């Protein structure tokens, strides 16, 4: 549940700030603060190695496929199968979630 929820959020965050990503101005702290707010979990929980690894893996895939951002947002998005036009159209309308994704993942894994 965590990975399924977080991967698109990380993609949205990076592509929403692609110029900063390409200039190496994005930080994991800023990304995790954004994710904590988006999925309703304390920032400290995202420091958990297992959760942090998911986030880092997504960023690594983006960085590797897109040569650190040097190939440009459009080409990068296409290489990843990411719908950049959709992200731009819906960026401001993302609904807030009530339940914590981490809590849902714990419940899901115990079944």
Foldseek 3Di string as FASTA:
>chain_A
DLLVVVLVLLVLVCLVVVVCQLVVNDDVLVSLVVVCQQQVHDSVVCVPPVNVVSSVVSSVVLCVQCVSSPNDSVVSCVSVVHDSVVSVVCVVPRDGDDDHPVVVVVVVVVD
